Amino acid sequence: MKKLKQSKYEIIIGLKDKDTYEQMLPTEKFIEIVTSVCKSNKVGYSIHTMDGGYIHENGKYIMEKSLSITFVYINKKQALEIAKLLKDLFNQESVIVLEQSTDSYLV
């Protein structure tokens, strides 16, 4: 078994529209969109639904559903491109992209 040193990326994206502060589609539809984007980019991923809060640049605080999308076998450029695409598709003010160095094993 070989240990791999690599980066892990996580995209956290809210589901409420930045202009209306409303969730415009059911959560399942957003997950379908993420799945389609990942499939068309030929990247593996894991996705989780979360509840959270966000403070807009104008100071408005909202509670919303968010998606956490985790990628292991992609590079930074791919992660940022996917984040930008999802940000635009979901009409978000911002998207969080986390990068973490990690060890992994393929068993």
C-alpha atoms as a PDB file:
ATOM      1  CA  MET A   1       0.000   0.000   0.000  1.00  0.00           C
ATOM      2  CA  LYS A   2       1.490   3.317  -1.062  1.00  0.00           C
ATOM      3  CA  LYS A   3       1.016   6.569   0.854  1.00  0.00           C
ATOM      4  CA  LEU A   4       0.180   9.550  -1.367  1.00  0.00           C
ATOM      5  CA  LYS A   5       0.854  13.149  -0.325  1.00  0.00           C
ATOM      6  CA  GLN A   6      -1.640  15.458  -1.986  1.00  0.00           C
ATOM      7  CA  SER A   7      -3.976  18.388  -1.624  1.00  0.00           C
ATOM      8  CA  LYS A   8      -7.620  18.012  -0.720  1.00  0.00           C
ATOM      9  CA  TYR A   9     -10.055  20.735  -1.793  1.00  0.00           C
ATOM     10  CA  GLU A  10     -13.450  21.550  -0.372  1.00  0.00           C
ATOM     11  CA  ILE A  11     -15.928  23.966  -1.913  1.00  0.00           C
ATOM     12  CA  ILE A  12     -18.616  25.323   0.390  1.00  0.00           C
ATOM     13  CA  ILE A  13     -21.468  27.028  -1.437  1.00  0.00           C
ATOM     14  CA  GLY A  14     -24.740  28.449  -0.181  1.00  0.00           C
ATOM     15  CA  LEU A  15     -28.019  27.795  -1.939  1.00  0.00           C
ATOM     16  CA  LYS A  16     -29.828  31.115  -1.475  1.00  0.00           C
ATOM     17  CA  ASP A  17     -29.637  33.538  -4.393  1.00  0.00           C
ATOM     18  CA  LYS A  18     -27.431  36.570  -3.657  1.00  0.00           C
ATOM     19  CA  ASP A  19     -30.029  39.019  -4.983  1.00  0.00           C
ATOM     20  CA  THR A  20     -33.320  37.607  -3.673  1.00  0.00           C
ATOM     21  CA  TYR A  21     -32.014  35.863  -0.517  1.00  0.00           C
ATOM     22  CA  GLU A  22     -34.288  32.947  -1.472  1.00  0.00           C
ATOM     23  CA  GLN A  23     -33.417  29.381  -2.443  1.00  0.00           C
ATOM     24  CA  MET A  24     -34.580  29.268  -6.071  1.00  0.00           C
ATOM     25  CA  LEU A  25     -34.440  25.471  -6.577  1.00  0.00           C
ATOM     26  CA  PRO A  26     -34.900  22.411  -4.358  1.00  0.00           C
ATOM     27  CA  THR A  27     -31.675  21.215  -2.719  1.00  0.00           C
ATOM     28  CA  GLU A  28     -31.800  18.013  -4.768  1.00  0.00           C
ATOM     29  CA  LYS A  29     -31.705  20.060  -7.990  1.00  0.00           C
ATOM     30  CA  PHE A  30     -28.550  21.883  -6.822  1.00  0.00           C
ATOM     31  CA  ILE A  31     -26.981  18.486  -6.100  1.00  0.00           C
ATOM     32  CA  GLU A  32     -27.895  17.372  -9.633  1.00  0.00           C
ATOM     33  CA  ILE A  33     -26.152  20.474 -11.015  1.00  0.00           C
ATOM     34  CA  VAL A  34     -22.993  19.760  -8.980  1.00  0.00           C
ATOM     35  CA  THR A  35     -23.063  16.148 -10.155  1.00  0.00           C
ATOM     36  CA  SER A  36     -23.350  17.273 -13.770  1.00  0.00           C
ATOM     37  CA  VAL A  37     -20.460  19.755 -13.404  1.00  0.00           C
ATOM     38  CA  CYS A  38     -18.219  17.135 -11.771  1.00  0.00           C
ATOM     39  CA  LYS A  39     -19.126  14.501 -14.354  1.00  0.00           C
ATOM     40  CA  SER A  40     -18.442  16.860 -17.276  1.00  0.00           C
ATOM     41  CA  ASN A  41     -15.077  17.778 -15.701  1.00  0.00           C
ATOM     42  CA  LYS A  42     -14.349  14.065 -15.083  1.00  0.00           C
ATOM     43  CA  VAL A  43     -13.559  14.573 -11.387  1.00  0.00           C
ATOM     44  CA  GLY A  44     -14.507  12.444  -8.408  1.00  0.00           C
ATOM     45  CA  TYR A  45     -16.214  14.150  -5.493  1.00  0.00           C
ATOM     46  CA  SER A  46     -18.200  13.725  -2.299  1.00  0.00           C
ATOM     47  CA  ILE A  47     -21.052  16.031  -1.364  1.00  0.00           C
ATOM     48  CA  HIS A  48     -22.813  16.833   1.910  1.00  0.00           C
ATOM     49  CA  THR A  49     -25.724  19.127   2.712  1.00  0.00           C
ATOM     50  CA  MET A  50     -25.317  21.477   5.670  1.00  0.00           C
ATOM     51  CA  ASP A  51     -27.213  24.229   7.467  1.00  0.00           C
ATOM     52  CA  GLY A  52     -25.399  27.466   8.154  1.00  0.00           C
ATOM     53  CA  GLY A  53     -25.347  31.228   8.205  1.00  0.00           C
ATOM     54  CA  TYR A  54     -23.770  33.806   5.906  1.00  0.00           C
ATOM     55  CA  ILE A  55     -23.155  37.525   6.229  1.00  0.00           C
ATOM     56  CA  HIS A  56     -23.484  39.358   2.911  1.00  0.00           C
ATOM     57  CA  GLU A  57     -21.177  42.255   2.050  1.00  0.00           C
ATOM     58  CA  ASN A  58     -24.104  44.624   2.768  1.00  0.00           C
ATOM     59  CA  GLY A  59     -24.324  43.233   6.320  1.00  0.00           C
ATOM     60  CA  LYS A  60     -27.499  41.164   5.819  1.00  0.00           C
ATOM     61  CA  TYR A  61     -27.326  37.884   7.748  1.00  0.00           C
ATOM     62  CA  ILE A  62     -29.114  34.861   6.304  1.00  0.00           C
ATOM     63  CA  MET A  63     -29.578  31.248   7.357  1.00  0.00           C
ATOM     64  CA  GLU A  64     -29.365  28.825   4.455  1.00  0.00           C
ATOM     65  CA  LYS A  65     -28.695  25.328   3.228  1.00  0.00           C
ATOM     66  CA  SER A  66     -25.176  24.904   1.880  1.00  0.00           C
ATOM     67  CA  LEU A  67     -23.315  22.206   0.010  1.00  0.00           C
ATOM     68  CA  SER A  68     -19.863  20.964   0.944  1.00  0.00           C
ATOM     69  CA  ILE A  69     -18.155  19.371  -2.055  1.00  0.00           C
ATOM     70  CA  THR A  70     -14.878  17.540  -1.395  1.00  0.00           C
ATOM     71  CA  PHE A  71     -12.286  16.689  -4.057  1.00  0.00           C
ATOM     72  CA  VAL A  72      -9.101  14.676  -3.580  1.00  0.00           C
ATOM     73  CA  TYR A  73      -7.603  13.848  -6.956  1.00  0.00           C
ATOM     74  CA  ILE A  74      -7.732  17.277  -8.622  1.00  0.00           C
ATOM     75  CA  ASN A  75      -5.385  20.252  -8.685  1.00  0.00           C
ATOM     76  CA  LYS A  76      -5.871  23.817  -7.456  1.00  0.00           C
ATOM     77  CA  LYS A  77      -6.680  25.168 -10.924  1.00  0.00           C
ATOM     78  CA  GLN A  78      -9.477  22.612 -11.376  1.00  0.00           C
ATOM     79  CA  ALA A  79     -10.895  23.319  -7.913  1.00  0.00           C
ATOM     80  CA  LEU A  80     -10.955  27.078  -8.505  1.00  0.00           C
ATOM     81  CA  GLU A  81     -12.507  26.688 -11.966  1.00  0.00           C
ATOM     82  CA  ILE A  82     -15.282  24.480 -10.586  1.00  0.00           C
ATOM     83  CA  ALA A  83     -15.856  26.901  -7.703  1.00  0.00           C
ATOM     84  CA  LYS A  84     -16.155  29.854 -10.125  1.00  0.00           C
ATOM     85  CA  LEU A  85     -18.549  27.936 -12.366  1.00  0.00           C
ATOM     86  CA  LEU A  86     -20.771  26.912  -9.435  1.00  0.00           C
ATOM     87  CA  LYS A  87     -20.649  30.454  -8.019  1.00  0.00           C
ATOM     88  CA  ASP A  88     -22.008  31.785 -11.301  1.00  0.00           C
ATOM     89  CA  LEU A  89     -24.554  28.984 -11.791  1.00  0.00           C
ATOM     90  CA  PHE A  90     -25.913  29.363  -8.245  1.00  0.00           C
ATOM     91  CA  ASN A  91     -25.750  33.210  -8.369  1.00  0.00           C
ATOM     92  CA  GLN A  92     -23.671  33.463  -5.195  1.00  0.00           C
ATOM     93  CA  GLU A  93     -21.825  36.476  -3.773  1.00  0.00           C
ATOM     94  CA  SER A  94     -18.905  34.234  -2.806  1.00  0.00           C
ATOM     95  CA  VAL A  95     -17.840  30.608  -2.505  1.00  0.00           C
ATOM     96  CA  ILE A  96     -15.370  29.203   0.012  1.00  0.00           C
ATOM     97  CA  VAL A  97     -12.549  27.032  -1.342  1.00  0.00           C
ATOM     98  CA  LEU A  98     -10.499  25.231   1.308  1.00  0.00           C
ATOM     99  CA  GLU A  99      -7.148  23.619   0.515  1.00  0.00           C
ATOM    100  CA  GLN A 100      -5.548  21.095   2.836  1.00  0.00           C
ATOM    101  CA  SER A 101      -2.415  18.997   2.502  1.00  0.00           C
ATOM    102  CA  THR A 102      -3.210  15.410   3.326  1.00  0.00           C
ATOM    103  CA  ASP A 103      -1.890  11.858   3.187  1.00  0.00           C
ATOM    104  CA  SER A 104      -4.022   9.207   1.566  1.00  0.00           C
ATOM    105  CA  TYR A 105      -3.919   5.521   0.796  1.00  0.00           C
ATOM    106  CA  LEU A 106      -5.641   3.662  -2.005  1.00  0.00           C
ATOM    107  CA  VAL A 107      -6.601   0.319  -0.518  1.00  0.00           C
END
